Amino acid sequence: MQTEDGASFLYGLVKRARKYWLGVTTITQDVSDFMRSDYGQPIINNSS
């Protein structure tokens, strides 16, 4: 989540995975890493 491009890629991956009934598990030591990005909350909401 250090770059906007990385966050956008992860968001697209999570959205596509749900379309095919796949789950994505995200792991971080600090949730604020995700929350700093505009994509953070949608990624968390769509993760398994």
C-alpha atoms as a PDB file:
ATOM      1  CA  MET A   1       0.000   0.000   0.000  1.00  0.00           C
ATOM      2  CA  GLN A   2       3.036   2.234  -0.333  1.00  0.00           C
ATOM      3  CA  THR A   3       2.074   3.357  -3.830  1.00  0.00           C
ATOM      4  CA  GLU A   4      -1.244   4.234  -5.423  1.00  0.00           C
ATOM      5  CA  ASP A   5      -0.545   1.809  -8.283  1.00  0.00           C
ATOM      6  CA  GLY A   6      -0.017  -1.064  -5.865  1.00  0.00           C
ATOM      7  CA  ALA A   7      -3.213  -0.275  -4.001  1.00  0.00           C
ATOM      8  CA  SER A   8      -5.151  -0.051  -7.256  1.00  0.00           C
ATOM      9  CA  PHE A   9      -3.761  -3.410  -8.400  1.00  0.00           C
ATOM     10  CA  LEU A  10      -4.686  -5.103  -5.119  1.00  0.00           C
ATOM     11  CA  TYR A  11      -8.176  -3.596  -5.245  1.00  0.00           C
ATOM     12  CA  GLY A  12      -8.720  -4.909  -8.789  1.00  0.00           C
ATOM     13  CA  LEU A  13      -7.444  -8.340  -7.764  1.00  0.00           C
ATOM     14  CA  VAL A  14      -9.802  -8.497  -4.799  1.00  0.00           C
ATOM     15  CA  LYS A  15     -12.797  -7.439  -6.910  1.00  0.00           C
ATOM     16  CA  ARG A  16     -12.019 -10.024  -9.633  1.00  0.00           C
ATOM     17  CA  ALA A  17     -11.464 -12.767  -7.068  1.00  0.00           C
ATOM     18  CA  ARG A  18     -14.926 -12.251  -5.569  1.00  0.00           C
ATOM     19  CA  LYS A  19     -16.490 -12.505  -9.018  1.00  0.00           C
ATOM     20  CA  TYR A  20     -15.123 -16.056  -9.267  1.00  0.00           C
ATOM     21  CA  TRP A  21     -16.009 -17.023  -5.664  1.00  0.00           C
ATOM     22  CA  LEU A  22     -12.393 -16.796  -4.533  1.00  0.00           C
ATOM     23  CA  GLY A  23     -11.254 -15.292  -1.273  1.00  0.00           C
ATOM     24  CA  VAL A  24      -8.288 -13.022  -0.703  1.00  0.00           C
ATOM     25  CA  THR A  25      -6.655 -12.898   2.690  1.00  0.00           C
ATOM     26  CA  THR A  26      -4.610  -9.816   3.445  1.00  0.00           C
ATOM     27  CA  ILE A  27      -2.027  -9.738   6.209  1.00  0.00           C
ATOM     28  CA  THR A  28      -0.418  -6.666   7.717  1.00  0.00           C
ATOM     29  CA  GLN A  29       1.280  -5.720  10.948  1.00  0.00           C
ATOM     30  CA  ASP A  30      -0.427  -2.341  10.915  1.00  0.00           C
ATOM     31  CA  VAL A  31      -4.007  -1.817   9.720  1.00  0.00           C
ATOM     32  CA  SER A  32      -3.270   1.862   9.209  1.00  0.00           C
ATOM     33  CA  ASP A  33      -1.203   0.770   6.158  1.00  0.00           C
ATOM     34  CA  PHE A  34      -4.500  -0.020   4.460  1.00  0.00           C
ATOM     35  CA  MET A  35      -6.475   2.861   5.881  1.00  0.00           C
ATOM     36  CA  ARG A  36      -4.094   5.516   4.493  1.00  0.00           C
ATOM     37  CA  SER A  37      -5.096   4.572   0.947  1.00  0.00           C
ATOM     38  CA  ASP A  38      -8.402   5.394  -0.736  1.00  0.00           C
ATOM     39  CA  TYR A  39      -8.550   1.714  -1.703  1.00  0.00           C
ATOM     40  CA  GLY A  40      -7.910   0.454   1.827  1.00  0.00           C
ATOM     41  CA  GLN A  41     -11.445   0.120   3.153  1.00  0.00           C
ATOM     42  CA  PRO A  42     -12.820  -1.497  -0.043  1.00  0.00           C
ATOM     43  CA  ILE A  43      -9.927  -3.989  -0.009  1.00  0.00           C
ATOM     44  CA  ILE A  44     -10.624  -4.898   3.606  1.00  0.00           C
ATOM     45  CA  ASN A  45     -14.362  -5.186   2.949  1.00  0.00           C
ATOM     46  CA  ASN A  46     -13.776  -7.574   0.046  1.00  0.00           C
ATOM     47  CA  SER A  47     -11.132  -9.726   1.749  1.00  0.00           C
ATOM     48  CA  SER A  48     -11.881 -13.076   3.330  1.00  0.00           C
END
